[in-house]
N, C-alpha and C. Protein backbone atom coordinates (compact mmCIF):
# COMPACT_ATOMS: atom_id res chain seq x y z
N UNK A 1 19.47 -14.15 8.03
CA UNK A 1 19.55 -13.36 9.25
C UNK A 1 18.29 -13.74 10.08
N UNK A 2 18.50 -14.07 11.31
CA UNK A 2 17.33 -14.44 12.18
C UNK A 2 17.25 -13.41 13.29
N UNK A 3 16.08 -12.99 13.67
CA UNK A 3 15.95 -12.04 14.69
C UNK A 3 15.47 -12.77 15.98
N UNK A 4 16.11 -12.45 17.15
CA UNK A 4 15.73 -13.08 18.41
C UNK A 4 14.33 -12.72 18.79
N UNK A 5 13.57 -13.69 19.28
CA UNK A 5 12.26 -13.47 19.82
C UNK A 5 11.31 -12.88 18.74
N UNK A 6 11.58 -13.19 17.50
CA UNK A 6 10.72 -12.65 16.45
C UNK A 6 9.59 -13.58 16.11
N UNK A 7 8.57 -12.99 15.65
CA UNK A 7 7.35 -13.73 15.10
C UNK A 7 7.48 -13.76 13.60
N UNK A 8 7.40 -14.88 12.99
CA UNK A 8 7.55 -14.97 11.58
C UNK A 8 6.19 -14.71 10.93
N UNK A 9 6.06 -13.80 10.09
CA UNK A 9 4.86 -13.41 9.42
C UNK A 9 5.13 -13.11 7.93
N UNK A 10 4.22 -13.14 7.13
CA UNK A 10 4.36 -12.65 5.70
C UNK A 10 3.15 -11.74 5.48
N UNK A 11 3.35 -10.45 5.70
CA UNK A 11 2.35 -9.45 5.50
C UNK A 11 2.86 -8.36 4.61
N UNK A 12 1.98 -7.84 3.83
CA UNK A 12 2.32 -6.70 3.04
C UNK A 12 2.29 -5.44 3.88
N UNK A 13 3.30 -4.61 3.78
CA UNK A 13 3.39 -3.33 4.47
C UNK A 13 3.76 -2.30 3.56
N UNK A 14 4.08 -1.09 4.06
CA UNK A 14 4.51 -0.02 3.32
C UNK A 14 5.72 0.63 3.98
N UNK A 15 6.72 0.92 3.27
CA UNK A 15 7.97 1.61 3.79
C UNK A 15 7.96 2.96 3.19
N UNK A 16 8.12 3.96 4.10
CA UNK A 16 8.10 5.44 3.78
C UNK A 16 9.42 6.05 4.07
N UNK A 17 10.04 6.73 3.08
CA UNK A 17 11.24 7.45 3.36
C UNK A 17 10.89 8.95 3.19
N UNK A 18 11.89 9.84 3.26
CA UNK A 18 11.56 11.32 3.20
C UNK A 18 10.95 11.68 1.85
N UNK A 19 11.24 10.94 0.79
CA UNK A 19 10.66 11.30 -0.51
C UNK A 19 9.95 10.22 -1.30
N UNK A 20 9.75 9.03 -0.70
CA UNK A 20 9.18 7.93 -1.48
C UNK A 20 8.40 7.01 -0.49
N UNK A 21 7.42 6.26 -1.10
CA UNK A 21 6.80 5.10 -0.36
C UNK A 21 6.73 4.00 -1.30
N UNK A 22 6.88 2.78 -0.78
CA UNK A 22 6.82 1.60 -1.62
C UNK A 22 6.36 0.43 -0.75
N UNK A 23 5.83 -0.57 -1.40
CA UNK A 23 5.29 -1.83 -0.77
C UNK A 23 6.52 -2.45 -0.20
N UNK A 24 6.29 -3.31 0.77
CA UNK A 24 7.27 -4.20 1.35
C UNK A 24 6.57 -5.44 1.85
N UNK A 25 7.31 -6.51 2.04
CA UNK A 25 6.80 -7.68 2.77
C UNK A 25 7.52 -7.87 4.11
N UNK A 26 6.76 -7.86 5.18
CA UNK A 26 7.36 -8.06 6.53
C UNK A 26 7.50 -9.53 6.69
N UNK A 27 8.78 -10.06 6.87
CA UNK A 27 9.03 -11.45 7.07
C UNK A 27 9.02 -11.86 8.49
N UNK A 28 9.59 -10.96 9.42
CA UNK A 28 9.60 -11.27 10.78
C UNK A 28 9.56 -9.99 11.57
N UNK A 29 8.94 -10.03 12.77
CA UNK A 29 8.68 -8.90 13.52
C UNK A 29 9.08 -9.16 15.01
N UNK A 30 9.83 -8.36 15.61
CA UNK A 30 10.16 -8.40 17.11
C UNK A 30 9.92 -7.08 17.63
N UNK A 31 10.10 -6.97 19.01
CA UNK A 31 9.78 -5.72 19.67
C UNK A 31 10.72 -4.63 19.29
N UNK A 32 11.93 -4.89 18.87
CA UNK A 32 12.87 -3.79 18.50
C UNK A 32 13.34 -3.83 17.08
N UNK A 33 12.83 -4.77 16.26
CA UNK A 33 13.31 -4.86 14.87
C UNK A 33 12.35 -5.60 13.96
N UNK A 34 12.55 -5.50 12.69
CA UNK A 34 11.83 -6.24 11.68
C UNK A 34 12.70 -6.59 10.54
N UNK A 35 12.45 -7.71 9.96
CA UNK A 35 13.15 -8.11 8.75
C UNK A 35 12.18 -8.04 7.56
N UNK A 36 12.45 -7.27 6.61
CA UNK A 36 11.55 -7.02 5.50
C UNK A 36 12.20 -7.27 4.14
N UNK A 37 11.40 -7.30 3.09
CA UNK A 37 11.95 -7.37 1.78
C UNK A 37 11.27 -6.19 1.05
N UNK A 38 12.13 -5.47 0.32
CA UNK A 38 11.59 -4.36 -0.46
C UNK A 38 12.52 -4.07 -1.66
N UNK A 39 12.01 -3.43 -2.69
CA UNK A 39 12.80 -3.03 -3.84
C UNK A 39 13.14 -1.58 -3.76
N UNK A 40 12.78 -0.88 -2.70
CA UNK A 40 13.07 0.57 -2.45
C UNK A 40 14.58 0.57 -2.16
N UNK A 41 15.27 1.42 -2.88
CA UNK A 41 16.74 1.57 -2.63
C UNK A 41 16.89 2.25 -1.26
N UNK A 42 17.70 1.59 -0.34
CA UNK A 42 17.90 2.04 1.01
C UNK A 42 19.41 1.94 1.38
N UNK A 43 19.81 2.73 2.40
CA UNK A 43 21.14 2.65 2.86
C UNK A 43 21.08 2.44 4.42
N UNK A 44 22.13 1.78 4.90
CA UNK A 44 22.28 1.59 6.34
C UNK A 44 22.24 3.00 7.03
N UNK A 45 21.55 3.13 8.15
CA UNK A 45 21.50 4.34 8.87
C UNK A 45 20.36 5.27 8.44
N UNK A 46 19.74 4.94 7.35
CA UNK A 46 18.61 5.76 6.85
C UNK A 46 17.41 5.74 7.69
N UNK A 47 16.73 6.75 7.97
CA UNK A 47 15.42 6.86 8.68
C UNK A 47 14.27 6.48 7.76
N UNK A 48 13.41 5.61 8.24
CA UNK A 48 12.26 5.21 7.44
C UNK A 48 11.06 5.03 8.45
N UNK A 49 9.87 4.83 7.87
CA UNK A 49 8.68 4.49 8.66
C UNK A 49 8.09 3.31 8.08
N UNK A 50 7.82 2.30 8.86
CA UNK A 50 7.21 1.02 8.46
C UNK A 50 5.74 1.20 8.78
N UNK A 51 4.84 1.03 7.78
CA UNK A 51 3.41 1.15 7.93
C UNK A 51 2.87 -0.25 7.86
N UNK A 52 2.18 -0.74 8.81
CA UNK A 52 1.46 -1.99 8.72
C UNK A 52 -0.05 -1.76 8.40
N UNK A 53 -0.70 -2.78 8.06
CA UNK A 53 -2.16 -2.64 7.76
C UNK A 53 -2.83 -1.92 8.92
N UNK A 54 -3.95 -1.26 8.68
CA UNK A 54 -4.75 -0.60 9.56
C UNK A 54 -4.06 0.63 10.17
N UNK A 55 -2.93 1.07 9.44
CA UNK A 55 -2.28 2.34 9.78
C UNK A 55 -1.31 2.30 10.88
N UNK A 56 -1.01 1.15 11.52
CA UNK A 56 0.06 1.06 12.56
C UNK A 56 1.38 1.45 12.00
N UNK A 57 2.04 2.49 12.61
CA UNK A 57 3.30 2.93 12.02
C UNK A 57 4.43 2.76 13.08
N UNK A 58 5.64 2.53 12.62
CA UNK A 58 6.75 2.38 13.49
C UNK A 58 7.93 3.13 12.84
N UNK A 59 8.56 4.05 13.57
CA UNK A 59 9.76 4.82 13.04
C UNK A 59 10.91 3.82 13.34
N UNK A 60 11.78 3.81 12.23
CA UNK A 60 12.85 2.85 12.32
C UNK A 60 14.13 3.43 11.54
N UNK A 61 15.23 2.75 11.79
CA UNK A 61 16.47 3.03 11.10
C UNK A 61 16.96 1.80 10.41
N UNK A 62 17.43 1.94 9.15
CA UNK A 62 17.94 0.78 8.42
C UNK A 62 19.17 0.29 9.06
N UNK A 63 19.17 -1.01 9.54
CA UNK A 63 20.31 -1.65 10.13
C UNK A 63 21.26 -2.12 9.10
N UNK A 64 20.80 -2.87 8.13
CA UNK A 64 21.57 -3.40 7.03
C UNK A 64 20.74 -3.67 5.87
N UNK A 65 21.33 -3.67 4.74
CA UNK A 65 20.66 -3.95 3.43
C UNK A 65 21.46 -5.04 2.73
N UNK A 66 20.78 -6.19 2.39
CA UNK A 66 21.46 -7.24 1.64
C UNK A 66 20.47 -7.65 0.48
N UNK A 67 20.73 -7.01 -0.66
CA UNK A 67 19.85 -7.19 -1.75
C UNK A 67 18.55 -6.52 -1.44
N UNK A 68 17.46 -7.33 -1.48
CA UNK A 68 16.13 -6.80 -1.20
C UNK A 68 15.72 -7.01 0.26
N UNK A 69 16.64 -7.73 1.04
CA UNK A 69 16.38 -7.99 2.41
C UNK A 69 16.94 -6.80 3.28
N UNK A 70 16.13 -6.33 4.18
CA UNK A 70 16.52 -5.21 5.00
C UNK A 70 16.11 -5.43 6.45
N UNK A 71 17.04 -5.04 7.33
CA UNK A 71 16.77 -5.18 8.74
C UNK A 71 16.49 -3.75 9.22
N UNK A 72 15.30 -3.57 9.85
CA UNK A 72 14.88 -2.30 10.37
C UNK A 72 15.06 -2.38 11.91
N UNK A 73 15.62 -1.39 12.47
CA UNK A 73 15.80 -1.27 13.90
C UNK A 73 14.83 -0.17 14.41
N UNK A 74 13.88 -0.54 15.23
CA UNK A 74 12.89 0.40 15.69
C UNK A 74 13.53 1.43 16.66
N UNK A 75 13.05 2.65 16.56
CA UNK A 75 13.58 3.70 17.42
C UNK A 75 13.16 3.58 18.81
N UNK A 76 12.10 2.80 19.12
CA UNK A 76 11.66 2.57 20.46
C UNK A 76 11.23 1.11 20.50
N UNK A 77 10.97 0.55 21.68
CA UNK A 77 10.54 -0.83 21.76
C UNK A 77 8.99 -0.83 21.54
N UNK A 78 8.59 -1.69 20.68
CA UNK A 78 7.20 -1.88 20.26
C UNK A 78 6.63 -3.19 20.90
N UNK A 79 5.33 -3.15 21.10
CA UNK A 79 4.69 -4.40 21.57
C UNK A 79 4.35 -5.24 20.37
N UNK A 80 4.99 -6.42 20.32
CA UNK A 80 4.75 -7.32 19.15
C UNK A 80 3.31 -7.75 19.13
N UNK A 81 2.68 -7.97 20.26
CA UNK A 81 1.26 -8.41 20.28
C UNK A 81 0.37 -7.25 19.76
N UNK A 82 0.70 -6.03 20.03
CA UNK A 82 -0.16 -4.86 19.54
C UNK A 82 0.06 -4.77 18.03
N UNK A 83 1.31 -4.96 17.56
CA UNK A 83 1.50 -4.90 16.10
C UNK A 83 0.72 -6.03 15.38
N UNK A 84 0.81 -7.18 15.91
CA UNK A 84 0.13 -8.34 15.37
C UNK A 84 -1.37 -8.18 15.37
N UNK A 85 -1.90 -7.65 16.44
CA UNK A 85 -3.26 -7.40 16.54
C UNK A 85 -3.77 -6.49 15.45
N UNK A 86 -2.94 -5.39 15.23
CA UNK A 86 -3.22 -4.42 14.11
C UNK A 86 -3.22 -5.15 12.78
N UNK A 87 -2.30 -6.09 12.54
CA UNK A 87 -2.17 -6.86 11.29
C UNK A 87 -3.50 -7.62 11.13
N UNK A 88 -3.89 -8.33 12.18
CA UNK A 88 -5.08 -9.18 12.07
C UNK A 88 -6.34 -8.41 11.78
N UNK A 89 -6.38 -7.20 12.34
CA UNK A 89 -7.54 -6.28 12.16
C UNK A 89 -7.64 -5.72 10.76
N UNK A 90 -6.40 -5.58 10.10
CA UNK A 90 -6.42 -4.87 8.77
C UNK A 90 -6.36 -5.96 7.65
N UNK A 91 -7.40 -6.60 7.39
CA UNK A 91 -7.38 -7.67 6.38
C UNK A 91 -7.65 -7.11 4.99
N UNK A 92 -8.04 -5.95 4.78
CA UNK A 92 -8.27 -5.45 3.48
C UNK A 92 -9.22 -4.26 3.47
N UNK A 93 -9.76 -3.95 2.28
CA UNK A 93 -10.66 -2.81 2.21
C UNK A 93 -9.96 -1.56 2.53
N UNK A 94 -10.60 -0.67 3.35
CA UNK A 94 -9.99 0.58 3.65
C UNK A 94 -8.74 0.48 4.48
N UNK A 95 -8.55 -0.71 5.16
CA UNK A 95 -7.39 -0.87 5.98
C UNK A 95 -6.19 -1.45 5.12
N UNK A 96 -6.42 -1.67 3.84
CA UNK A 96 -5.26 -2.13 3.02
C UNK A 96 -4.15 -1.16 2.91
N UNK A 97 -3.00 -1.63 2.64
CA UNK A 97 -1.83 -0.73 2.44
C UNK A 97 -2.09 0.11 1.14
N UNK A 98 -2.13 1.42 1.36
CA UNK A 98 -2.41 2.43 0.25
C UNK A 98 -1.25 3.19 -0.06
N UNK A 99 -0.85 3.31 -1.32
CA UNK A 99 0.23 4.16 -1.82
C UNK A 99 -0.34 5.39 -2.38
N UNK A 100 0.11 6.51 -1.92
CA UNK A 100 -0.43 7.80 -2.34
C UNK A 100 0.21 8.24 -3.66
N UNK A 101 -0.51 7.98 -4.72
CA UNK A 101 -0.10 8.35 -6.11
C UNK A 101 -1.28 9.10 -6.75
N UNK A 102 -0.97 10.30 -7.19
CA UNK A 102 -2.10 11.15 -7.76
C UNK A 102 -1.71 11.26 -9.30
N UNK A 103 -2.79 10.86 -10.01
CA UNK A 103 -2.68 10.90 -11.47
C UNK A 103 -4.07 10.86 -12.12
N UNK A 104 -4.24 11.44 -13.30
CA UNK A 104 -5.51 11.34 -13.96
C UNK A 104 -5.82 9.88 -14.45
N UNK A 105 -7.03 9.49 -14.31
CA UNK A 105 -7.49 8.20 -14.75
C UNK A 105 -8.82 8.43 -15.50
N UNK A 106 -9.18 7.38 -16.30
CA UNK A 106 -10.47 7.41 -17.01
C UNK A 106 -11.29 6.28 -16.42
N UNK A 107 -12.50 6.51 -16.13
CA UNK A 107 -13.48 5.49 -15.67
C UNK A 107 -14.62 5.32 -16.67
N UNK A 108 -14.67 4.11 -17.30
CA UNK A 108 -15.77 3.80 -18.27
C UNK A 108 -16.91 3.27 -17.50
N UNK A 109 -18.13 3.85 -17.76
CA UNK A 109 -19.36 3.43 -17.13
C UNK A 109 -20.37 3.20 -18.30
N UNK A 110 -21.49 2.50 -17.98
CA UNK A 110 -22.55 2.30 -19.00
C UNK A 110 -23.00 3.61 -19.68
N UNK A 111 -22.97 4.72 -18.90
CA UNK A 111 -23.47 6.05 -19.40
C UNK A 111 -22.36 6.83 -20.12
N UNK A 112 -21.18 6.33 -20.16
CA UNK A 112 -20.03 7.06 -20.87
C UNK A 112 -18.79 7.08 -19.94
N UNK A 113 -17.80 7.73 -20.38
CA UNK A 113 -16.49 7.81 -19.61
C UNK A 113 -16.52 9.04 -18.72
N UNK A 114 -15.75 8.91 -17.61
CA UNK A 114 -15.64 9.91 -16.61
C UNK A 114 -14.17 10.13 -16.35
N UNK A 115 -13.72 11.43 -16.46
CA UNK A 115 -12.30 11.69 -16.11
C UNK A 115 -12.25 11.99 -14.59
N UNK A 116 -11.31 11.22 -13.94
CA UNK A 116 -11.22 11.37 -12.48
C UNK A 116 -9.71 11.58 -12.20
N UNK A 117 -9.43 11.86 -10.89
CA UNK A 117 -8.10 12.00 -10.38
C UNK A 117 -7.89 10.89 -9.41
N UNK A 118 -6.94 10.01 -9.64
CA UNK A 118 -6.68 8.90 -8.67
C UNK A 118 -5.82 9.58 -7.50
N UNK A 119 -6.22 9.22 -6.29
CA UNK A 119 -5.57 9.73 -5.06
C UNK A 119 -4.66 8.71 -4.44
N UNK A 120 -5.06 7.38 -4.47
CA UNK A 120 -4.19 6.40 -3.98
C UNK A 120 -4.51 5.06 -4.55
N UNK A 121 -3.66 4.12 -4.38
CA UNK A 121 -3.93 2.73 -4.95
C UNK A 121 -3.43 1.69 -4.00
N UNK A 122 -4.07 0.56 -4.00
CA UNK A 122 -3.63 -0.61 -3.21
C UNK A 122 -3.72 -1.80 -4.07
N UNK A 123 -3.36 -2.93 -3.55
CA UNK A 123 -3.47 -4.19 -4.32
C UNK A 123 -4.91 -4.47 -4.69
N UNK A 124 -5.89 -4.00 -3.92
CA UNK A 124 -7.32 -4.33 -4.18
C UNK A 124 -8.15 -3.22 -4.76
N UNK A 125 -7.63 -2.00 -4.91
CA UNK A 125 -8.45 -0.96 -5.52
C UNK A 125 -7.77 0.48 -5.50
N UNK A 126 -8.58 1.43 -5.79
CA UNK A 126 -8.14 2.81 -5.86
C UNK A 126 -9.19 3.75 -5.23
N UNK A 127 -8.60 4.94 -4.82
CA UNK A 127 -9.49 6.04 -4.36
C UNK A 127 -9.40 7.07 -5.48
N UNK A 128 -10.53 7.55 -6.00
CA UNK A 128 -10.55 8.57 -7.10
C UNK A 128 -11.35 9.77 -6.57
N UNK A 129 -11.12 10.87 -7.21
CA UNK A 129 -11.96 12.08 -6.99
C UNK A 129 -12.76 12.23 -8.29
N UNK A 130 -14.10 12.33 -8.14
CA UNK A 130 -14.98 12.51 -9.27
C UNK A 130 -15.76 13.78 -8.97
N UNK A 131 -15.35 14.94 -9.49
CA UNK A 131 -16.00 16.22 -9.24
C UNK A 131 -17.30 16.36 -10.01
N UNK A 132 -17.51 15.46 -10.94
CA UNK A 132 -18.76 15.55 -11.78
C UNK A 132 -19.94 14.81 -11.08
N UNK A 133 -19.59 14.00 -10.10
CA UNK A 133 -20.68 13.19 -9.46
C UNK A 133 -21.29 12.11 -10.36
N UNK A 134 -20.51 11.64 -11.32
CA UNK A 134 -21.02 10.65 -12.34
C UNK A 134 -20.99 9.21 -11.75
N UNK A 135 -20.04 8.99 -10.78
CA UNK A 135 -19.98 7.62 -10.20
C UNK A 135 -21.04 7.40 -9.18
N UNK A 136 -21.48 6.11 -8.99
CA UNK A 136 -22.47 5.81 -8.03
C UNK A 136 -22.10 4.51 -7.36
N UNK A 137 -22.31 4.41 -6.10
CA UNK A 137 -21.98 3.19 -5.30
C UNK A 137 -22.80 2.02 -5.94
N UNK A 138 -22.05 0.90 -6.11
CA UNK A 138 -22.66 -0.26 -6.65
C UNK A 138 -22.43 -0.36 -8.18
N UNK A 139 -22.02 0.62 -8.79
CA UNK A 139 -21.83 0.65 -10.25
C UNK A 139 -20.63 -0.20 -10.68
N UNK A 140 -20.80 -0.97 -11.72
CA UNK A 140 -19.70 -1.80 -12.37
C UNK A 140 -19.00 -0.86 -13.35
N UNK A 141 -17.71 -0.67 -13.16
CA UNK A 141 -16.98 0.23 -14.05
C UNK A 141 -15.71 -0.42 -14.53
N UNK A 142 -14.99 0.30 -15.47
CA UNK A 142 -13.71 -0.17 -15.86
C UNK A 142 -12.79 1.10 -15.80
N UNK A 143 -11.72 1.00 -14.99
CA UNK A 143 -10.83 2.10 -14.81
C UNK A 143 -9.59 1.83 -15.63
N UNK A 144 -9.15 2.94 -16.31
CA UNK A 144 -7.92 2.88 -17.09
C UNK A 144 -6.84 3.70 -16.31
N UNK A 145 -5.73 2.99 -16.02
CA UNK A 145 -4.60 3.56 -15.25
C UNK A 145 -3.37 3.41 -16.12
N UNK A 146 -2.74 4.56 -16.50
CA UNK A 146 -1.56 4.53 -17.38
C UNK A 146 -0.51 3.60 -16.74
N UNK A 147 -0.11 2.68 -17.51
CA UNK A 147 0.97 1.68 -17.08
C UNK A 147 0.39 0.42 -16.48
N UNK A 148 -0.89 0.46 -16.03
CA UNK A 148 -1.57 -0.78 -15.48
C UNK A 148 -2.69 -1.21 -16.32
N UNK A 149 -3.07 -0.46 -17.39
CA UNK A 149 -4.11 -0.89 -18.25
C UNK A 149 -5.47 -0.68 -17.73
N UNK A 150 -6.49 -1.45 -18.28
CA UNK A 150 -7.85 -1.30 -17.86
C UNK A 150 -8.12 -2.44 -16.81
N UNK A 151 -8.91 -2.01 -15.77
CA UNK A 151 -9.22 -2.92 -14.67
C UNK A 151 -10.76 -2.85 -14.45
N UNK A 152 -11.39 -4.00 -14.37
CA UNK A 152 -12.81 -4.05 -14.02
C UNK A 152 -12.85 -3.76 -12.50
N UNK A 153 -13.92 -2.97 -12.06
CA UNK A 153 -14.00 -2.64 -10.68
C UNK A 153 -15.39 -2.28 -10.34
N UNK A 154 -15.70 -2.29 -9.03
CA UNK A 154 -16.97 -1.93 -8.47
C UNK A 154 -16.83 -0.71 -7.60
N UNK A 155 -17.73 0.24 -7.75
CA UNK A 155 -17.62 1.48 -6.88
C UNK A 155 -18.24 1.04 -5.48
N UNK A 156 -17.40 0.96 -4.47
CA UNK A 156 -17.90 0.40 -3.13
C UNK A 156 -18.29 1.52 -2.16
N UNK A 157 -17.76 2.69 -2.21
CA UNK A 157 -18.09 3.73 -1.27
C UNK A 157 -17.83 5.09 -1.81
N UNK A 158 -18.41 6.07 -1.22
CA UNK A 158 -18.09 7.50 -1.57
C UNK A 158 -18.32 8.37 -0.34
N UNK A 159 -17.58 9.48 -0.43
CA UNK A 159 -17.75 10.51 0.63
C UNK A 159 -17.46 11.81 -0.10
N UNK A 160 -18.47 12.67 -0.27
CA UNK A 160 -18.38 13.88 -1.08
C UNK A 160 -17.97 13.51 -2.49
N UNK A 161 -16.72 14.02 -2.89
CA UNK A 161 -16.30 13.64 -4.25
C UNK A 161 -15.33 12.52 -4.30
N UNK A 162 -15.05 11.90 -3.19
CA UNK A 162 -14.05 10.75 -3.10
C UNK A 162 -14.89 9.48 -3.35
N UNK A 163 -14.40 8.52 -4.24
CA UNK A 163 -15.01 7.25 -4.43
C UNK A 163 -13.97 6.15 -4.34
N UNK A 164 -14.37 5.04 -3.74
CA UNK A 164 -13.55 3.85 -3.63
C UNK A 164 -13.94 2.88 -4.68
N UNK A 165 -12.98 2.43 -5.48
CA UNK A 165 -13.20 1.37 -6.44
C UNK A 165 -12.41 0.15 -6.06
N UNK A 166 -13.13 -0.96 -6.04
CA UNK A 166 -12.50 -2.26 -5.70
C UNK A 166 -12.40 -3.02 -6.97
N UNK A 167 -11.03 -3.45 -7.26
CA UNK A 167 -10.85 -4.27 -8.39
C UNK A 167 -11.52 -5.61 -8.31
N UNK A 168 -12.02 -6.15 -9.44
CA UNK A 168 -12.58 -7.48 -9.40
C UNK A 168 -11.49 -8.48 -9.23
N UNK A 169 -10.34 -8.25 -9.84
CA UNK A 169 -9.21 -9.11 -9.64
C UNK A 169 -7.97 -8.23 -9.05
N UNK A 170 -7.63 -8.52 -7.89
CA UNK A 170 -6.54 -7.70 -7.26
C UNK A 170 -5.26 -7.64 -8.07
N UNK A 171 -4.55 -6.53 -7.94
CA UNK A 171 -3.26 -6.46 -8.60
C UNK A 171 -2.32 -7.37 -7.90
N UNK A 172 -1.29 -7.89 -8.60
CA UNK A 172 -0.26 -8.64 -8.01
C UNK A 172 0.79 -7.76 -7.30
N UNK A 173 1.34 -8.19 -6.28
CA UNK A 173 2.31 -7.49 -5.48
C UNK A 173 3.46 -6.99 -6.38
N UNK A 174 4.05 -7.89 -7.18
CA UNK A 174 5.17 -7.54 -8.06
C UNK A 174 4.75 -6.51 -9.06
N UNK A 175 3.59 -6.66 -9.63
CA UNK A 175 3.07 -5.68 -10.67
C UNK A 175 2.98 -4.24 -10.01
N UNK A 176 2.35 -4.19 -8.94
CA UNK A 176 2.09 -2.86 -8.24
C UNK A 176 3.45 -2.30 -7.78
N UNK A 177 4.33 -3.14 -7.24
CA UNK A 177 5.68 -2.63 -6.82
C UNK A 177 6.48 -2.11 -7.98
N UNK A 178 6.54 -2.83 -9.07
CA UNK A 178 7.28 -2.35 -10.28
C UNK A 178 6.60 -1.11 -10.87
N UNK A 179 5.31 -1.06 -10.91
CA UNK A 179 4.64 0.16 -11.47
C UNK A 179 4.87 1.32 -10.52
N UNK A 180 4.88 1.14 -9.26
CA UNK A 180 5.13 2.27 -8.28
C UNK A 180 6.59 2.76 -8.59
N UNK A 181 7.55 1.86 -8.71
CA UNK A 181 8.91 2.27 -8.98
C UNK A 181 9.05 3.13 -10.16
N UNK A 182 8.26 2.81 -11.19
CA UNK A 182 8.30 3.62 -12.45
C UNK A 182 7.68 4.98 -12.30
N UNK A 183 6.81 5.19 -11.36
CA UNK A 183 6.17 6.44 -11.09
C UNK A 183 7.08 7.48 -10.51
N UNK A 184 8.25 7.03 -10.00
CA UNK A 184 9.26 7.98 -9.44
C UNK A 184 8.94 8.26 -8.05
């Protein structure tokens, strides 16, 4: 399927339905539609929101589903240049596509283990809540996430009890997508 006047891109995005969110890959983008690939089960006519890096969101309706390939029809006309500018601005870090998954995790530090609550996850890291104040910016840690195992990370930022941990080796798209699907 080819979209008229579309810009071909390969960017990670997020698709949000009434009860789920999942990673997707945006293959092409036009002012009224986008062609994406996702493992999220969808049906023609279903309302969704496409989230691009840096938080740019577009309300859409599923036009067709062919395996993992999905055509999204935007509810209004969007500026392709504005969407692409948002994509260029959101190269990673806090602008990365984040999936909101809350679950207990353990963070191993030189001084001992810390029980935290994960708030969200991306390919490059996680946000956790540490109410004990044990984490410190710059600390090298190892986070244990059920189903993803142990990951070496660096504490990059904090605000009150929220801490951002950046993985030393980013998660693979397929690994995070499959893990997210298992979380329900």
